[in-house]
PDB file of all heavy atoms in Angstrom:
ATOM      1  N   VAL A   1       0.884  -1.197   0.024  1.00  0.00           N
ATOM      2  CA  VAL A   1       0.019   0.003  -0.007  1.00  0.00           C
ATOM      3  C   VAL A   1       0.907   1.241  -0.030  1.00  0.00           C
ATOM      4  O   VAL A   1       1.916   1.195   0.664  1.00  0.00           O
ATOM      5  CB  VAL A   1      -0.893  -0.080   1.208  1.00  0.00           C
ATOM      6  CG1 VAL A   1      -1.700   1.326   1.308  1.00  0.00           C
ATOM      7  CG2 VAL A   1      -1.874  -1.157   1.157  1.00  0.00           C
ATOM      8  N   ALA A   2       0.512   2.233  -0.795  1.00  0.00           N
ATOM      9  CA  ALA A   2       1.312   3.446  -0.925  1.00  0.00           C
ATOM     10  C   ALA A   2       0.798   4.563   0.071  1.00  0.00           C
ATOM     11  O   ALA A   2      -0.450   4.594   0.218  1.00  0.00           O
ATOM     12  CB  ALA A   2       1.318   3.990  -2.274  1.00  0.00           C
ATOM     13  N   LEU A   3       1.652   5.275   0.690  1.00  0.00           N
ATOM     14  CA  LEU A   3       1.317   6.384   1.595  1.00  0.00           C
ATOM     15  C   LEU A   3       1.809   7.604   0.959  1.00  0.00           C
ATOM     16  O   LEU A   3       3.045   7.859   0.754  1.00  0.00           O
ATOM     17  CB  LEU A   3       1.963   6.163   2.947  1.00  0.00           C
ATOM     18  CG  LEU A   3       1.480   7.068   4.103  1.00  0.00           C
ATOM     19  CD1 LEU A   3       0.091   6.752   4.446  1.00  0.00           C
ATOM     20  CD2 LEU A   3       2.355   6.889   5.264  1.00  0.00           C
ATOM     21  N   ALA A   4       0.886   8.559   0.612  1.00  0.00           N
ATOM     22  CA  ALA A   4       1.204   9.782  -0.007  1.00  0.00           C
ATOM     23  C   ALA A   4       1.831  10.773   1.022  1.00  0.00           C
ATOM     24  O   ALA A   4       1.259  10.909   2.081  1.00  0.00           O
ATOM     25  CB  ALA A   4       0.010  10.413  -0.671  1.00  0.00           C
ATOM     26  N   LEU A   5       2.984  11.319   0.697  1.00  0.00           N
ATOM     27  CA  LEU A   5       3.677  12.111   1.713  1.00  0.00           C
ATOM     28  C   LEU A   5       3.840  13.527   1.222  1.00  0.00           C
ATOM     29  O   LEU A   5       3.975  14.467   2.096  1.00  0.00           O
ATOM     30  CB  LEU A   5       5.137  11.563   1.849  1.00  0.00           C
ATOM     31  CG  LEU A   5       5.250  10.080   2.254  1.00  0.00           C
ATOM     32  CD1 LEU A   5       6.713   9.634   2.280  1.00  0.00           C
ATOM     33  CD2 LEU A   5       4.633   9.796   3.620  1.00  0.00           C
ATOM     34  N   ASP A   6       3.842  13.842  -0.038  1.00  0.00           N
ATOM     35  CA  ASP A   6       4.080  15.174  -0.551  1.00  0.00           C
ATOM     36  C   ASP A   6       2.842  15.914  -0.902  1.00  0.00           C
ATOM     37  O   ASP A   6       1.894  15.273  -1.554  1.00  0.00           O
ATOM     38  CB  ASP A   6       4.995  15.037  -1.790  1.00  0.00           C
ATOM     39  CG  ASP A   6       5.238  16.383  -2.459  1.00  0.00           C
ATOM     40  OD1 ASP A   6       6.030  17.189  -1.932  1.00  0.00           O
ATOM     41  OD2 ASP A   6       4.634  16.637  -3.541  1.00  0.00           O
ATOM     42  N   LEU A   7       2.639  17.123  -0.500  1.00  0.00           N
ATOM     43  CA  LEU A   7       1.392  17.903  -0.758  1.00  0.00           C
ATOM     44  C   LEU A   7       1.089  18.078  -2.156  1.00  0.00           C
ATOM     45  O   LEU A   7      -0.068  18.087  -2.575  1.00  0.00           O
ATOM     46  CB  LEU A   7       1.381  19.200   0.064  1.00  0.00           C
ATOM     47  CG  LEU A   7       1.435  19.113   1.614  1.00  0.00           C
ATOM     48  CD1 LEU A   7       1.224  20.560   2.132  1.00  0.00           C
ATOM     49  CD2 LEU A   7       0.365  18.186   2.075  1.00  0.00           C
ATOM     50  N   ASP A   8       2.123  18.351  -2.934  1.00  0.00           N
ATOM     51  CA  ASP A   8       1.890  18.514  -4.439  1.00  0.00           C
ATOM     52  C   ASP A   8       1.379  17.204  -4.991  1.00  0.00           C
ATOM     53  O   ASP A   8       0.509  17.278  -5.890  1.00  0.00           O
ATOM     54  CB  ASP A   8       3.127  18.972  -5.137  1.00  0.00           C
ATOM     55  CG  ASP A   8       3.523  20.416  -4.816  1.00  0.00           C
ATOM     56  OD1 ASP A   8       2.517  21.178  -4.598  1.00  0.00           O
ATOM     57  OD2 ASP A   8       4.701  20.773  -4.833  1.00  0.00           O
ATOM     58  N   PHE A   9       1.909  16.116  -4.581  1.00  0.00           N
ATOM     59  CA  PHE A   9       1.476  14.832  -5.112  1.00  0.00           C
ATOM     60  C   PHE A   9       0.047  14.512  -4.621  1.00  0.00           C
ATOM     61  O   PHE A   9      -0.764  14.003  -5.330  1.00  0.00           O
ATOM     62  CB  PHE A   9       2.377  13.684  -4.674  1.00  0.00           C
ATOM     63  CG  PHE A   9       2.004  12.356  -5.188  1.00  0.00           C
ATOM     64  CD1 PHE A   9       1.673  12.155  -6.507  1.00  0.00           C
ATOM     65  CD2 PHE A   9       1.917  11.267  -4.304  1.00  0.00           C
ATOM     66  CE1 PHE A   9       1.304  10.901  -6.975  1.00  0.00           C
ATOM     67  CE2 PHE A   9       1.484   9.986  -4.760  1.00  0.00           C
ATOM     68  CZ  PHE A   9       1.227   9.801  -6.134  1.00  0.00           C
ATOM     69  N   ILE A  10      -0.265  14.873  -3.338  1.00  0.00           N
ATOM     70  CA  ILE A  10      -1.648  14.741  -2.881  1.00  0.00           C
ATOM     71  C   ILE A  10      -2.622  15.580  -3.652  1.00  0.00           C
ATOM     72  O   ILE A  10      -3.755  15.054  -4.082  1.00  0.00           O
ATOM     73  CB  ILE A  10      -1.647  15.103  -1.381  1.00  0.00           C
ATOM     74  CG1 ILE A  10      -0.935  14.064  -0.554  1.00  0.00           C
ATOM     75  CG2 ILE A  10      -3.101  15.239  -0.925  1.00  0.00           C
ATOM     76  CD1 ILE A  10      -0.715  14.414   0.885  1.00  0.00           C
ATOM     77  N   LYS A  11      -2.242  16.752  -4.094  1.00  0.00           N
ATOM     78  CA  LYS A  11      -3.040  17.582  -4.914  1.00  0.00           C
ATOM     79  C   LYS A  11      -3.322  16.966  -6.250  1.00  0.00           C
ATOM     80  O   LYS A  11      -4.381  16.996  -6.833  1.00  0.00           O
ATOM     81  CB  LYS A  11      -2.497  19.023  -5.081  1.00  0.00           C
ATOM     82  CG  LYS A  11      -3.382  19.989  -5.857  1.00  0.00           C
ATOM     83  CD  LYS A  11      -2.721  21.351  -5.922  1.00  0.00           C
ATOM     84  CE  LYS A  11      -3.583  22.306  -6.751  1.00  0.00           C
ATOM     85  NZ  LYS A  11      -2.976  23.603  -6.823  1.00  0.00           N
ATOM     86  N   THR A  12      -2.279  16.343  -6.795  1.00  0.00           N
ATOM     87  CA  THR A  12      -2.349  15.620  -8.024  1.00  0.00           C
ATOM     88  C   THR A  12      -3.306  14.402  -7.927  1.00  0.00           C
ATOM     89  O   THR A  12      -4.184  14.255  -8.844  1.00  0.00           O
ATOM     90  CB  THR A  12      -0.911  15.099  -8.496  1.00  0.00           C
ATOM     91  OG1 THR A  12      -0.081  16.167  -8.635  1.00  0.00           O
ATOM     92  CG2 THR A  12      -1.036  14.294  -9.766  1.00  0.00           C
ATOM     93  N   ILE A  13      -3.256  13.660  -6.862  1.00  0.00           N
ATOM     94  CA  ILE A  13      -4.167  12.538  -6.671  1.00  0.00           C
ATOM     95  C   ILE A  13      -5.659  13.064  -6.636  1.00  0.00           C
ATOM     96  O   ILE A  13      -6.472  12.499  -7.271  1.00  0.00           O
ATOM     97  CB  ILE A  13      -3.809  11.792  -5.259  1.00  0.00           C
ATOM     98  CG1 ILE A  13      -2.471  11.212  -5.460  1.00  0.00           C
ATOM     99  CG2 ILE A  13      -4.904  10.816  -4.952  1.00  0.00           C
ATOM    100  CD1 ILE A  13      -1.996  10.661  -4.122  1.00  0.00           C
ATOM    101  N   LEU A  14      -5.885  14.059  -5.759  1.00  0.00           N
ATOM    102  CA  LEU A  14      -7.252  14.456  -5.531  1.00  0.00           C
ATOM    103  C   LEU A  14      -7.864  15.369  -6.640  1.00  0.00           C
ATOM    104  O   LEU A  14      -9.095  15.324  -6.743  1.00  0.00           O
ATOM    105  CB  LEU A  14      -7.321  15.268  -4.222  1.00  0.00           C
ATOM    106  CG  LEU A  14      -6.885  14.455  -2.924  1.00  0.00           C
ATOM    107  CD1 LEU A  14      -6.877  15.404  -1.707  1.00  0.00           C
ATOM    108  CD2 LEU A  14      -7.790  13.267  -2.717  1.00  0.00           C
ATOM    109  N   ILE A  15      -7.028  16.061  -7.323  1.00  0.00           N
ATOM    110  CA  ILE A  15      -7.566  17.021  -8.320  1.00  0.00           C
ATOM    111  C   ILE A  15      -6.955  16.780  -9.710  1.00  0.00           C
ATOM    112  O   ILE A  15      -7.759  16.452 -10.616  1.00  0.00           O
ATOM    113  CB  ILE A  15      -7.274  18.375  -7.809  1.00  0.00           C
ATOM    114  CG1 ILE A  15      -7.877  18.778  -6.446  1.00  0.00           C
ATOM    115  CG2 ILE A  15      -7.841  19.534  -8.847  1.00  0.00           C
ATOM    116  CD1 ILE A  15      -7.527  20.016  -5.792  1.00  0.00           C
ATOM    117  N   LYS A  16      -5.723  17.070  -9.918  1.00  0.00           N
ATOM    118  CA  LYS A  16      -5.132  17.116 -11.203  1.00  0.00           C
ATOM    119  C   LYS A  16      -5.287  15.830 -11.997  1.00  0.00           C
ATOM    120  O   LYS A  16      -5.747  15.799 -13.179  1.00  0.00           O
ATOM    121  CB  LYS A  16      -3.635  17.494 -11.150  1.00  0.00           C
ATOM    122  CG  LYS A  16      -2.990  17.601 -12.531  1.00  0.00           C
ATOM    123  CD  LYS A  16      -1.590  18.022 -12.331  1.00  0.00           C
ATOM    124  CE  LYS A  16      -0.814  18.089 -13.676  1.00  0.00           C
ATOM    125  NZ  LYS A  16       0.610  18.434 -13.540  1.00  0.00           N
ATOM    126  N   ASP A  17      -4.925  14.698 -11.367  1.00  0.00           N
ATOM    127  CA  ASP A  17      -5.103  13.366 -12.000  1.00  0.00           C
ATOM    128  C   ASP A  17      -6.156  12.526 -11.393  1.00  0.00           C
ATOM    129  O   ASP A  17      -6.041  11.319 -11.217  1.00  0.00           O
ATOM    130  CB  ASP A  17      -3.693  12.628 -11.931  1.00  0.00           C
ATOM    131  CG  ASP A  17      -2.664  13.209 -12.880  1.00  0.00           C
ATOM    132  OD1 ASP A  17      -3.052  13.924 -13.763  1.00  0.00           O
ATOM    133  OD2 ASP A  17      -1.517  12.844 -12.666  1.00  0.00           O
ATOM    134  N   PHE A  18      -7.208  13.216 -11.069  1.00  0.00           N
ATOM    135  CA  PHE A  18      -8.362  12.478 -10.396  1.00  0.00           C
ATOM    136  C   PHE A  18      -8.893  11.318 -11.233  1.00  0.00           C
ATOM    137  O   PHE A  18      -9.298  10.351 -10.604  1.00  0.00           O
ATOM    138  CB  PHE A  18      -9.425  13.531 -10.108  1.00  0.00           C
ATOM    139  CG  PHE A  18     -10.727  12.916  -9.605  1.00  0.00           C
ATOM    140  CD1 PHE A  18     -10.793  12.492  -8.254  1.00  0.00           C
ATOM    141  CD2 PHE A  18     -11.813  12.686 -10.441  1.00  0.00           C
ATOM    142  CE1 PHE A  18     -12.017  11.884  -7.731  1.00  0.00           C
ATOM    143  CE2 PHE A  18     -12.997  12.102  -9.881  1.00  0.00           C
ATOM    144  CZ  PHE A  18     -13.091  11.690  -8.580  1.00  0.00           C
ATOM    145  N   GLN A  19      -8.776  11.455 -12.528  1.00  0.00           N
ATOM    146  CA  GLN A  19      -9.333  10.354 -13.358  1.00  0.00           C
ATOM    147  C   GLN A  19      -8.646   9.052 -13.089  1.00  0.00           C
ATOM    148  O   GLN A  19      -9.192   8.009 -13.386  1.00  0.00           O
ATOM    149  CB  GLN A  19      -9.214  10.735 -14.852  1.00  0.00           C
ATOM    150  CG  GLN A  19      -7.738  10.773 -15.396  1.00  0.00           C
ATOM    151  CD  GLN A  19      -7.061  12.161 -15.230  1.00  0.00           C
ATOM    152  OE1 GLN A  19      -7.539  12.939 -14.396  1.00  0.00           O
ATOM    153  NE2 GLN A  19      -6.065  12.410 -16.015  1.00  0.00           N
ATOM    154  N   HIS A  20      -7.423   9.049 -12.601  1.00  0.00           N
ATOM    155  CA  HIS A  20      -6.716   7.744 -12.254  1.00  0.00           C
ATOM    156  C   HIS A  20      -6.944   7.411 -10.872  1.00  0.00           C
ATOM    157  O   HIS A  20      -6.749   6.089 -10.527  1.00  0.00           O
ATOM    158  CB  HIS A  20      -5.162   8.024 -12.384  1.00  0.00           C
ATOM    159  CG  HIS A  20      -4.688   8.390 -13.748  1.00  0.00           C
ATOM    160  ND1 HIS A  20      -4.835   7.592 -14.871  1.00  0.00           N
ATOM    161  CD2 HIS A  20      -4.263   9.606 -14.258  1.00  0.00           C
ATOM    162  CE1 HIS A  20      -4.328   8.172 -15.936  1.00  0.00           C
ATOM    163  NE2 HIS A  20      -3.952   9.343 -15.603  1.00  0.00           N
ATOM    164  N   PHE A  21      -7.520   8.202  -9.997  1.00  0.00           N
ATOM    165  CA  PHE A  21      -7.672   7.973  -8.552  1.00  0.00           C
ATOM    166  C   PHE A  21      -9.079   8.172  -8.058  1.00  0.00           C
ATOM    167  O   PHE A  21      -9.309   8.438  -6.926  1.00  0.00           O
ATOM    168  CB  PHE A  21      -6.759   8.791  -7.760  1.00  0.00           C
ATOM    169  CG  PHE A  21      -5.300   8.677  -7.935  1.00  0.00           C
ATOM    170  CD1 PHE A  21      -4.624   9.364  -8.994  1.00  0.00           C
ATOM    171  CD2 PHE A  21      -4.524   7.699  -7.209  1.00  0.00           C
ATOM    172  CE1 PHE A  21      -3.249   9.225  -9.164  1.00  0.00           C
ATOM    173  CE2 PHE A  21      -3.179   7.634  -7.444  1.00  0.00           C
ATOM    174  CZ  PHE A  21      -2.555   8.288  -8.422  1.00  0.00           C
ATOM    175  N   HIS A  22     -10.071   8.019  -8.993  1.00  0.00           N
ATOM    176  CA  HIS A  22     -11.425   8.421  -8.537  1.00  0.00           C
ATOM    177  C   HIS A  22     -12.161   7.479  -7.657  1.00  0.00           C
ATOM    178  O   HIS A  22     -13.146   7.833  -7.080  1.00  0.00           O
ATOM    179  CB  HIS A  22     -12.300   8.772  -9.843  1.00  0.00           C
ATOM    180  CG  HIS A  22     -12.476   7.587 -10.833  1.00  0.00           C
ATOM    181  ND1 HIS A  22     -13.175   6.537 -10.552  1.00  0.00           N
ATOM    182  CD2 HIS A  22     -11.948   7.495 -12.013  1.00  0.00           C
ATOM    183  CE1 HIS A  22     -13.244   5.714 -11.590  1.00  0.00           C
ATOM    184  NE2 HIS A  22     -12.396   6.298 -12.544  1.00  0.00           N
ATOM    185  N   ASP A  23     -11.679   6.261  -7.536  1.00  0.00           N
ATOM    186  CA  ASP A  23     -12.341   5.305  -6.620  1.00  0.00           C
ATOM    187  C   ASP A  23     -11.545   5.156  -5.299  1.00  0.00           C
ATOM    188  O   ASP A  23     -10.383   5.341  -5.242  1.00  0.00           O
ATOM    189  CB  ASP A  23     -12.415   3.868  -7.317  1.00  0.00           C
ATOM    190  CG  ASP A  23     -13.350   3.920  -8.566  1.00  0.00           C
ATOM    191  OD1 ASP A  23     -14.175   4.785  -8.615  1.00  0.00           O
ATOM    192  OD2 ASP A  23     -13.158   3.017  -9.435  1.00  0.00           O
ATOM    193  N   ARG A  24     -12.347   4.840  -4.266  1.00  0.00           N
ATOM    194  CA  ARG A  24     -11.770   4.737  -2.929  1.00  0.00           C
ATOM    195  C   ARG A  24     -11.190   3.305  -2.772  1.00  0.00           C
ATOM    196  O   ARG A  24     -10.363   3.108  -1.818  1.00  0.00           O
ATOM    197  CB  ARG A  24     -12.829   5.001  -1.854  1.00  0.00           C
ATOM    198  CG  ARG A  24     -13.381   6.427  -1.896  1.00  0.00           C
ATOM    199  CD  ARG A  24     -14.365   6.634  -0.746  1.00  0.00           C
ATOM    200  NE  ARG A  24     -15.050   7.914  -0.930  1.00  0.00           N
ATOM    201  CZ  ARG A  24     -14.650   9.116  -0.526  1.00  0.00           C
ATOM    202  NH1 ARG A  24     -13.454   9.191   0.065  1.00  0.00           N
ATOM    203  NH2 ARG A  24     -15.352  10.164  -0.709  1.00  0.00           N
ATOM    204  N   GLY A  25     -11.655   2.323  -3.480  1.00  0.00           N
ATOM    205  CA  GLY A  25     -11.162   0.978  -3.364  1.00  0.00           C
ATOM    206  C   GLY A  25     -11.842   0.179  -2.260  1.00  0.00           C
ATOM    207  O   GLY A  25     -11.347  -0.866  -1.830  1.00  0.00           O
ATOM    208  N   PHE A  26     -12.882   0.730  -1.646  1.00  0.00           N
ATOM    209  CA  PHE A  26     -13.624   0.025  -0.594  1.00  0.00           C
ATOM    210  C   PHE A  26     -14.521  -1.112  -1.243  1.00  0.00           C
ATOM    211  O   PHE A  26     -15.003  -0.987  -2.327  1.00  0.00           O
ATOM    212  CB  PHE A  26     -14.514   0.929   0.235  1.00  0.00           C
ATOM    213  CG  PHE A  26     -13.629   1.947   0.976  1.00  0.00           C
ATOM    214  CD1 PHE A  26     -14.256   3.197   1.259  1.00  0.00           C
ATOM    215  CD2 PHE A  26     -12.375   1.671   1.432  1.00  0.00           C
ATOM    216  CE1 PHE A  26     -13.492   4.147   1.998  1.00  0.00           C
ATOM    217  CE2 PHE A  26     -11.695   2.607   2.159  1.00  0.00           C
ATOM    218  CZ  PHE A  26     -12.190   3.878   2.448  1.00  0.00           C
ATOM    219  N   TYR A  27     -14.767  -2.071  -0.378  1.00  0.00           N
ATOM    220  CA  TYR A  27     -15.695  -3.148  -0.898  1.00  0.00           C
ATOM    221  C   TYR A  27     -17.157  -2.699  -0.809  1.00  0.00           C
ATOM    222  O   TYR A  27     -17.520  -2.080   0.148  1.00  0.00           O
ATOM    223  CB  TYR A  27     -15.451  -4.423   0.004  1.00  0.00           C
ATOM    224  CG  TYR A  27     -16.445  -5.462  -0.194  1.00  0.00           C
ATOM    225  CD1 TYR A  27     -16.335  -6.320  -1.289  1.00  0.00           C
ATOM    226  CD2 TYR A  27     -17.458  -5.762   0.754  1.00  0.00           C
ATOM    227  CE1 TYR A  27     -17.193  -7.403  -1.575  1.00  0.00           C
ATOM    228  CE2 TYR A  27     -18.284  -6.822   0.469  1.00  0.00           C
ATOM    229  CZ  TYR A  27     -18.221  -7.615  -0.657  1.00  0.00           C
ATOM    230  OH  TYR A  27     -19.045  -8.624  -0.813  1.00  0.00           O
TER     231      TYR A  27
END
């Protein structure tokens, strides 16, 4: 499991590249 550490990368996850990260992965 990856742990996001950098705020710019976190912004990329949540906003900029949201199309790659749009699911939460919960069952």
